[in-house]
């Protein structure tokens, strides 16, 4: 069962939802509005925020720095 990220167009809240089925009706957890949009998550695309198009990186998994830890990239 996948977890998707959503954005509410009514109140601007971002939230995650465990989804059952292929076309669920998702309402905002904050205001209850049905005006939600599924977001494209970085996890879903298979790319981290600092990854380059070649998929290579320096000393870390980020691709945007040479630190041995992604904690130094933020």
N, C-alpha and C. Protein backbone atom coordinates (compact mmCIF):
# COMPACT_ATOMS: atom_id res chain seq x y z
N UNK A 1 0.84 -1.18 0.00
CA UNK A 1 0.00 0.00 0.00
C UNK A 1 0.89 1.24 0.00
N UNK A 2 0.82 2.01 -1.05
CA UNK A 2 1.71 3.18 -1.15
C UNK A 2 1.23 4.37 -0.33
N UNK A 3 2.19 5.17 0.08
CA UNK A 3 1.92 6.43 0.75
C UNK A 3 2.21 7.53 -0.27
N UNK A 4 1.22 8.40 -0.50
CA UNK A 4 1.38 9.50 -1.45
C UNK A 4 1.40 10.82 -0.70
N UNK A 5 2.03 11.82 -1.32
CA UNK A 5 2.04 13.17 -0.78
C UNK A 5 0.99 13.98 -1.53
N UNK A 6 0.26 14.82 -0.78
CA UNK A 6 -0.81 15.64 -1.35
C UNK A 6 -0.65 17.09 -0.91
N UNK A 7 -1.25 17.98 -1.71
CA UNK A 7 -1.30 19.41 -1.40
C UNK A 7 -2.76 19.84 -1.48
N UNK A 8 -3.24 20.56 -0.48
CA UNK A 8 -4.62 21.05 -0.46
C UNK A 8 -4.65 22.42 -1.13
N UNK A 9 -5.50 22.54 -2.15
CA UNK A 9 -5.61 23.82 -2.86
C UNK A 9 -6.45 24.83 -2.08
N UNK A 10 -7.22 24.37 -1.10
CA UNK A 10 -8.05 25.27 -0.31
C UNK A 10 -7.27 25.96 0.81
N UNK A 11 -6.50 25.19 1.59
CA UNK A 11 -5.81 25.79 2.74
C UNK A 11 -4.28 25.79 2.61
N UNK A 12 -3.75 25.11 1.60
CA UNK A 12 -2.30 25.10 1.37
C UNK A 12 -1.53 24.06 2.16
N UNK A 13 -2.23 23.20 2.88
CA UNK A 13 -1.56 22.18 3.69
C UNK A 13 -0.96 21.08 2.81
N UNK A 14 0.18 20.57 3.22
CA UNK A 14 0.81 19.42 2.59
C UNK A 14 0.73 18.27 3.57
N UNK A 15 0.38 17.08 3.07
CA UNK A 15 0.24 15.93 3.96
C UNK A 15 0.47 14.64 3.18
N UNK A 16 0.69 13.55 3.92
CA UNK A 16 0.88 12.23 3.33
C UNK A 16 -0.34 11.38 3.66
N UNK A 17 -0.66 10.47 2.75
CA UNK A 17 -1.85 9.63 2.95
C UNK A 17 -1.55 8.23 2.47
N UNK A 18 -1.87 7.23 3.29
CA UNK A 18 -1.79 5.83 2.92
C UNK A 18 -2.99 5.55 2.03
N UNK A 19 -2.76 5.09 0.81
CA UNK A 19 -3.83 4.98 -0.19
C UNK A 19 -4.19 3.52 -0.45
N UNK A 20 -5.48 3.24 -0.42
CA UNK A 20 -6.02 1.93 -0.76
C UNK A 20 -6.78 2.08 -2.07
N UNK A 21 -6.45 1.28 -3.08
CA UNK A 21 -7.13 1.37 -4.37
C UNK A 21 -6.39 2.28 -5.34
N UNK A 22 -6.84 2.28 -6.59
CA UNK A 22 -6.12 3.02 -7.62
C UNK A 22 -6.57 4.47 -7.78
N UNK A 23 -7.83 4.80 -7.47
CA UNK A 23 -8.33 6.16 -7.61
C UNK A 23 -9.11 6.59 -6.37
N UNK A 24 -8.43 6.74 -5.25
CA UNK A 24 -9.14 7.10 -4.02
C UNK A 24 -9.52 8.58 -4.01
N UNK A 25 -10.59 8.92 -3.32
CA UNK A 25 -10.93 10.31 -3.11
C UNK A 25 -10.24 10.74 -1.82
N UNK A 26 -9.33 11.69 -1.93
CA UNK A 26 -8.53 12.12 -0.78
C UNK A 26 -8.99 13.50 -0.34
N UNK A 27 -9.28 13.62 0.95
CA UNK A 27 -9.65 14.92 1.51
C UNK A 27 -8.53 15.42 2.41
N UNK A 28 -8.45 16.73 2.53
CA UNK A 28 -7.41 17.36 3.33
C UNK A 28 -7.57 16.99 4.80
N UNK A 29 -6.47 16.64 5.44
CA UNK A 29 -6.50 16.28 6.86
C UNK A 29 -6.71 17.50 7.76
N UNK A 30 -6.39 18.70 7.24
CA UNK A 30 -6.49 19.91 8.04
C UNK A 30 -7.87 20.56 7.95
N UNK A 31 -8.38 20.75 6.70
CA UNK A 31 -9.64 21.48 6.54
C UNK A 31 -10.78 20.63 6.00
N UNK A 32 -10.50 19.40 5.54
CA UNK A 32 -11.54 18.52 5.04
C UNK A 32 -11.92 18.73 3.59
N UNK A 33 -11.26 19.65 2.89
CA UNK A 33 -11.58 19.93 1.50
C UNK A 33 -11.23 18.75 0.60
N UNK A 34 -12.03 18.55 -0.44
CA UNK A 34 -11.74 17.50 -1.44
C UNK A 34 -10.84 18.05 -2.54
N UNK A 35 -10.48 19.32 -2.48
CA UNK A 35 -9.61 19.95 -3.48
C UNK A 35 -8.14 19.67 -3.20
N UNK A 36 -7.72 18.43 -3.43
CA UNK A 36 -6.33 18.05 -3.19
C UNK A 36 -5.66 17.64 -4.49
N UNK A 37 -4.36 17.83 -4.53
CA UNK A 37 -3.56 17.43 -5.69
C UNK A 37 -2.44 16.52 -5.23
N UNK A 38 -2.21 15.44 -5.98
CA UNK A 38 -1.11 14.54 -5.65
C UNK A 38 0.19 15.23 -6.05
N UNK A 39 1.16 15.23 -5.14
CA UNK A 39 2.46 15.86 -5.41
C UNK A 39 3.42 14.84 -5.98
N UNK A 40 4.40 15.29 -6.72
CA UNK A 40 5.47 14.44 -7.21
C UNK A 40 6.57 14.46 -6.16
N UNK A 41 6.75 13.34 -5.48
CA UNK A 41 7.76 13.30 -4.43
C UNK A 41 9.12 12.94 -4.99
N UNK A 42 10.17 13.36 -4.30
CA UNK A 42 11.53 13.03 -4.73
C UNK A 42 11.75 11.53 -4.65
N UNK A 43 11.15 10.88 -3.66
CA UNK A 43 11.29 9.43 -3.53
C UNK A 43 10.66 8.75 -4.74
N UNK A 44 9.51 9.23 -5.16
CA UNK A 44 8.79 8.64 -6.28
C UNK A 44 9.52 8.76 -7.60
N UNK A 45 10.34 9.80 -7.76
CA UNK A 45 11.07 9.98 -9.00
C UNK A 45 12.38 9.21 -9.01
N UNK A 46 12.82 8.73 -7.86
CA UNK A 46 14.06 7.98 -7.79
C UNK A 46 15.31 8.83 -7.83
N UNK A 47 15.15 10.13 -7.61
CA UNK A 47 16.30 11.04 -7.63
C UNK A 47 16.31 11.86 -6.35
N UNK A 48 17.50 12.07 -5.81
CA UNK A 48 17.61 12.93 -4.64
C UNK A 48 17.70 14.37 -5.11
N UNK A 49 17.57 15.31 -4.19
CA UNK A 49 17.52 16.72 -4.55
C UNK A 49 18.81 17.21 -5.19
N UNK A 50 19.94 16.59 -4.92
CA UNK A 50 21.19 17.06 -5.47
C UNK A 50 21.75 16.17 -6.55
N UNK A 51 21.00 15.19 -7.01
CA UNK A 51 21.53 14.25 -8.00
C UNK A 51 21.69 14.93 -9.35
N UNK A 52 22.77 14.60 -10.04
CA UNK A 52 22.94 15.13 -11.38
C UNK A 52 22.39 14.13 -12.39
N UNK A 53 22.32 14.53 -13.65
CA UNK A 53 21.67 13.69 -14.65
C UNK A 53 22.45 12.43 -14.97
N UNK A 54 23.74 12.39 -14.67
CA UNK A 54 24.51 11.20 -14.97
C UNK A 54 24.40 10.14 -13.89
N UNK A 55 23.86 10.55 -12.73
CA UNK A 55 23.71 9.60 -11.64
C UNK A 55 25.00 9.40 -10.85
N UNK A 56 26.04 10.14 -11.18
CA UNK A 56 27.30 10.03 -10.44
C UNK A 56 27.32 11.05 -9.33
N UNK A 57 28.15 10.82 -8.35
CA UNK A 57 28.26 11.76 -7.25
C UNK A 57 29.68 11.80 -6.76
N UNK A 58 29.92 12.77 -5.88
CA UNK A 58 31.23 12.88 -5.27
C UNK A 58 31.39 11.80 -4.22
N UNK A 59 31.68 12.18 -2.98
CA UNK A 59 31.85 11.21 -1.92
C UNK A 59 30.56 10.84 -1.22
N UNK A 60 29.46 11.46 -1.59
CA UNK A 60 28.20 11.19 -0.90
C UNK A 60 27.13 10.74 -1.88
N UNK A 61 25.96 10.42 -1.35
CA UNK A 61 24.84 10.05 -2.19
C UNK A 61 24.11 11.24 -2.76
N UNK A 62 24.47 12.45 -2.35
CA UNK A 62 23.76 13.65 -2.80
C UNK A 62 24.14 14.04 -4.23
N UNK A 63 25.37 13.91 -4.59
CA UNK A 63 25.81 14.35 -5.91
C UNK A 63 26.11 15.83 -5.96
N UNK A 64 25.70 16.58 -4.95
CA UNK A 64 25.89 18.02 -4.97
C UNK A 64 27.04 18.49 -4.10
N UNK A 65 27.68 17.59 -3.38
CA UNK A 65 28.79 17.98 -2.53
C UNK A 65 29.78 16.84 -2.40
N UNK A 66 30.88 17.11 -1.74
CA UNK A 66 31.88 16.04 -1.57
C UNK A 66 31.92 15.55 -0.13
N UNK A 67 30.95 15.95 0.67
CA UNK A 67 30.87 15.51 2.05
C UNK A 67 30.59 14.01 2.12
N UNK A 68 31.02 13.36 3.16
CA UNK A 68 30.74 11.94 3.31
C UNK A 68 29.37 11.69 3.92
N UNK A 69 28.67 12.77 4.28
CA UNK A 69 27.33 12.66 4.86
C UNK A 69 26.41 13.70 4.24
N UNK A 70 25.18 13.32 3.95
CA UNK A 70 24.22 14.28 3.38
C UNK A 70 23.82 15.34 4.41
N UNK A 71 24.10 15.12 5.68
CA UNK A 71 23.77 16.10 6.70
C UNK A 71 24.52 17.41 6.44
N UNK A 72 25.68 17.33 5.81
CA UNK A 72 26.45 18.52 5.50
C UNK A 72 25.92 19.28 4.30
N UNK A 73 25.03 18.68 3.53
CA UNK A 73 24.48 19.32 2.33
C UNK A 73 23.34 20.26 2.65
N UNK A 74 22.73 20.10 3.77
CA UNK A 74 21.52 20.90 4.09
C UNK A 74 21.97 22.12 4.78
